[in-house]
Amino acid sequence: MKALATIIGIITPATAFAASAERTDNSGIFVWLFLGFCALIIVAQALPAILMLLGVTKGLRARTEARETVKS
């Protein structure tokens, strides 16, 4: 009986330390502007890289087609 009382005494206060359901977000407009600027930089860097990749694949495809027409 003493062990049961000890376990109940330990488990009961554990629920008091649970996280609250509400979410506090203290991000102001400047944080969102900064994150938007970072996203703009990433897109500005990724766009030329994607276009370069498409150009390389197009060049490789044209090169293999040229080899196939020479072999035929």
N, C-alpha and C. Protein backbone atom coordinates (compact mmCIF):
# COMPACT_ATOMS: atom_id res chain seq x y z
N MET A 1 0.82 -1.19 0.00
CA MET A 1 0.00 0.00 0.00
C MET A 1 0.86 1.26 0.00
N LYS A 2 1.99 1.15 0.72
CA LYS A 2 2.88 2.29 0.80
C LYS A 2 3.50 2.59 -0.57
N ALA A 3 3.82 1.53 -1.33
CA ALA A 3 4.40 1.71 -2.66
C ALA A 3 3.39 2.35 -3.61
N LEU A 4 2.14 1.95 -3.51
CA LEU A 4 1.10 2.53 -4.36
C LEU A 4 0.93 4.02 -4.07
N ALA A 5 0.96 4.40 -2.82
CA ALA A 5 0.83 5.81 -2.45
C ALA A 5 2.03 6.60 -2.97
N THR A 6 3.21 6.00 -2.95
CA THR A 6 4.41 6.67 -3.45
C THR A 6 4.32 6.88 -4.96
N ILE A 7 3.87 5.86 -5.70
CA ILE A 7 3.74 5.96 -7.15
C ILE A 7 2.69 7.02 -7.52
N ILE A 8 1.58 7.02 -6.84
CA ILE A 8 0.54 8.03 -7.11
C ILE A 8 1.07 9.42 -6.79
N GLY A 9 1.84 9.55 -5.73
CA GLY A 9 2.42 10.84 -5.35
C GLY A 9 3.43 11.35 -6.36
N ILE A 10 4.11 10.43 -7.05
CA ILE A 10 5.09 10.83 -8.06
C ILE A 10 4.41 11.15 -9.38
N ILE A 11 3.43 10.36 -9.77
CA ILE A 11 2.80 10.51 -11.08
C ILE A 11 1.87 11.72 -11.13
N THR A 12 1.16 12.01 -10.10
CA THR A 12 0.17 13.09 -10.10
C THR A 12 0.79 14.46 -10.42
N PRO A 13 1.90 14.88 -9.82
CA PRO A 13 2.44 16.20 -10.16
C PRO A 13 3.07 16.24 -11.57
N ALA A 14 3.31 15.12 -12.18
CA ALA A 14 3.93 15.11 -13.50
C ALA A 14 3.05 15.79 -14.54
N THR A 15 1.76 15.77 -14.36
CA THR A 15 0.88 16.43 -15.32
C THR A 15 0.96 17.95 -15.21
N ALA A 16 1.44 18.46 -14.09
CA ALA A 16 1.55 19.90 -13.92
C ALA A 16 2.67 20.47 -14.79
N PHE A 17 3.62 19.64 -15.20
CA PHE A 17 4.73 20.11 -16.01
C PHE A 17 4.49 19.94 -17.50
N ALA A 18 3.30 19.56 -17.88
CA ALA A 18 3.00 19.38 -19.30
C ALA A 18 2.96 20.75 -19.99
N ALA A 19 3.28 20.74 -21.27
CA ALA A 19 3.30 21.99 -22.04
C ALA A 19 1.88 22.50 -22.26
N SER A 20 1.76 23.80 -22.29
CA SER A 20 0.43 24.36 -22.52
C SER A 20 0.10 24.25 -24.01
N ALA A 21 -1.16 24.29 -24.33
CA ALA A 21 -1.62 24.12 -25.70
C ALA A 21 -1.43 25.38 -26.54
N GLU A 22 -1.36 26.53 -25.91
CA GLU A 22 -1.24 27.75 -26.69
C GLU A 22 0.21 27.93 -27.15
N ARG A 23 0.32 28.53 -28.32
CA ARG A 23 1.64 28.74 -28.92
C ARG A 23 1.90 30.23 -28.94
N THR A 24 3.01 30.62 -28.36
CA THR A 24 3.35 32.03 -28.38
C THR A 24 4.34 32.28 -29.50
N ASP A 25 4.02 33.22 -30.36
CA ASP A 25 4.86 33.56 -31.48
C ASP A 25 5.16 35.05 -31.39
N ASN A 26 6.38 35.37 -31.02
CA ASN A 26 6.75 36.76 -30.84
C ASN A 26 7.46 37.32 -32.08
N SER A 27 7.28 36.68 -33.21
CA SER A 27 7.92 37.15 -34.43
C SER A 27 7.18 38.36 -34.97
N GLY A 28 7.91 39.43 -35.10
CA GLY A 28 7.31 40.65 -35.63
C GLY A 28 7.46 40.70 -37.15
N ILE A 29 7.11 41.84 -37.70
CA ILE A 29 7.16 42.03 -39.14
C ILE A 29 8.60 41.98 -39.65
N PHE A 30 9.55 42.43 -38.86
CA PHE A 30 10.94 42.44 -39.30
C PHE A 30 11.52 41.03 -39.42
N VAL A 31 11.07 40.13 -38.57
CA VAL A 31 11.52 38.74 -38.68
C VAL A 31 11.00 38.14 -39.98
N TRP A 32 9.74 38.40 -40.29
CA TRP A 32 9.15 37.86 -41.53
C TRP A 32 9.78 38.50 -42.76
N LEU A 33 10.11 39.79 -42.69
CA LEU A 33 10.81 40.44 -43.80
C LEU A 33 12.20 39.84 -44.01
N PHE A 34 12.89 39.57 -42.92
CA PHE A 34 14.22 38.96 -43.01
C PHE A 34 14.13 37.56 -43.61
N LEU A 35 13.16 36.76 -43.18
CA LEU A 35 13.00 35.42 -43.73
C LEU A 35 12.60 35.47 -45.20
N GLY A 36 11.77 36.42 -45.58
CA GLY A 36 11.41 36.59 -46.98
C GLY A 36 12.61 36.99 -47.82
N PHE A 37 13.46 37.86 -47.29
CA PHE A 37 14.67 38.25 -47.99
C PHE A 37 15.61 37.06 -48.17
N CYS A 38 15.73 36.22 -47.14
CA CYS A 38 16.56 35.01 -47.24
C CYS A 38 16.00 34.07 -48.32
N ALA A 39 14.69 33.92 -48.37
CA ALA A 39 14.07 33.07 -49.38
C ALA A 39 14.30 33.64 -50.78
N LEU A 40 14.26 34.95 -50.90
CA LEU A 40 14.52 35.61 -52.18
C LEU A 40 15.95 35.35 -52.65
N ILE A 41 16.90 35.38 -51.74
CA ILE A 41 18.29 35.10 -52.09
C ILE A 41 18.43 33.65 -52.55
N ILE A 42 17.79 32.73 -51.86
CA ILE A 42 17.88 31.31 -52.23
C ILE A 42 17.29 31.08 -53.61
N VAL A 43 16.14 31.68 -53.88
CA VAL A 43 15.50 31.51 -55.20
C VAL A 43 16.36 32.15 -56.28
N ALA A 44 16.94 33.31 -55.98
CA ALA A 44 17.79 33.99 -56.96
C ALA A 44 19.05 33.19 -57.27
N GLN A 45 19.52 32.39 -56.35
CA GLN A 45 20.69 31.56 -56.59
C GLN A 45 20.30 30.24 -57.24
N ALA A 46 19.13 29.72 -56.94
CA ALA A 46 18.72 28.42 -57.46
C ALA A 46 18.24 28.51 -58.90
N LEU A 47 17.64 29.61 -59.29
CA LEU A 47 17.10 29.75 -60.64
C LEU A 47 18.18 29.63 -61.72
N PRO A 48 19.29 30.33 -61.65
CA PRO A 48 20.33 30.15 -62.66
C PRO A 48 20.93 28.74 -62.64
N ALA A 49 21.03 28.14 -61.47
CA ALA A 49 21.57 26.79 -61.38
C ALA A 49 20.65 25.79 -62.09
N ILE A 50 19.36 25.95 -61.93
CA ILE A 50 18.40 25.06 -62.60
C ILE A 50 18.46 25.27 -64.11
N LEU A 51 18.54 26.54 -64.55
CA LEU A 51 18.64 26.81 -65.98
C LEU A 51 19.93 26.23 -66.57
N MET A 52 21.02 26.31 -65.82
CA MET A 52 22.29 25.74 -66.27
C MET A 52 22.17 24.22 -66.38
N LEU A 53 21.54 23.60 -65.43
CA LEU A 53 21.35 22.15 -65.46
C LEU A 53 20.52 21.73 -66.66
N LEU A 54 19.46 22.49 -66.95
CA LEU A 54 18.65 22.18 -68.12
C LEU A 54 19.45 22.36 -69.41
N GLY A 55 20.29 23.39 -69.46
CA GLY A 55 21.12 23.60 -70.64
C GLY A 55 22.13 22.49 -70.84
N VAL A 56 22.72 22.01 -69.77
CA VAL A 56 23.69 20.91 -69.86
C VAL A 56 23.01 19.64 -70.34
N THR A 57 21.85 19.34 -69.81
CA THR A 57 21.15 18.12 -70.24
C THR A 57 20.70 18.24 -71.69
N LYS A 58 20.28 19.42 -72.11
CA LYS A 58 19.90 19.62 -73.50
C LYS A 58 21.11 19.45 -74.41
N GLY A 59 22.26 19.96 -73.99
CA GLY A 59 23.49 19.80 -74.77
C GLY A 59 23.94 18.36 -74.85
N LEU A 60 23.83 17.63 -73.76
CA LEU A 60 24.21 16.21 -73.77
C LEU A 60 23.28 15.40 -74.66
N ARG A 61 22.00 15.73 -74.64
CA ARG A 61 21.04 15.02 -75.48
C ARG A 61 21.33 15.28 -76.97
N ALA A 62 21.62 16.54 -77.30
CA ALA A 62 21.93 16.87 -78.70
C ALA A 62 23.23 16.20 -79.14
N ARG A 63 24.17 16.10 -78.23
CA ARG A 63 25.45 15.46 -78.54
C ARG A 63 25.28 13.97 -78.80
N THR A 64 24.46 13.29 -77.98
CA THR A 64 24.24 11.86 -78.19
C THR A 64 23.44 11.61 -79.46
N GLU A 65 22.49 12.51 -79.78
CA GLU A 65 21.73 12.36 -81.02
C GLU A 65 22.63 12.57 -82.23
N ALA A 66 23.59 13.49 -82.13
CA ALA A 66 24.53 13.73 -83.23
C ALA A 66 25.41 12.51 -83.45
N ARG A 67 25.82 11.86 -82.35
CA ARG A 67 26.65 10.65 -82.48
C ARG A 67 25.86 9.52 -83.12
N GLU A 68 24.58 9.40 -82.77
CA GLU A 68 23.76 8.33 -83.33
C GLU A 68 23.54 8.54 -84.82
N THR A 69 23.40 9.78 -85.27
CA THR A 69 23.20 10.02 -86.70
C THR A 69 24.48 9.80 -87.47
N VAL A 70 25.64 10.04 -86.86
CA VAL A 70 26.92 9.79 -87.53
C VAL A 70 27.15 8.30 -87.67
N LYS A 71 26.79 7.51 -86.64
CA LYS A 71 26.98 6.06 -86.68
C LYS A 71 26.07 5.39 -87.71
N SER A 72 24.93 5.95 -87.96
CA SER A 72 23.95 5.32 -88.86
C SER A 72 24.28 5.46 -90.29
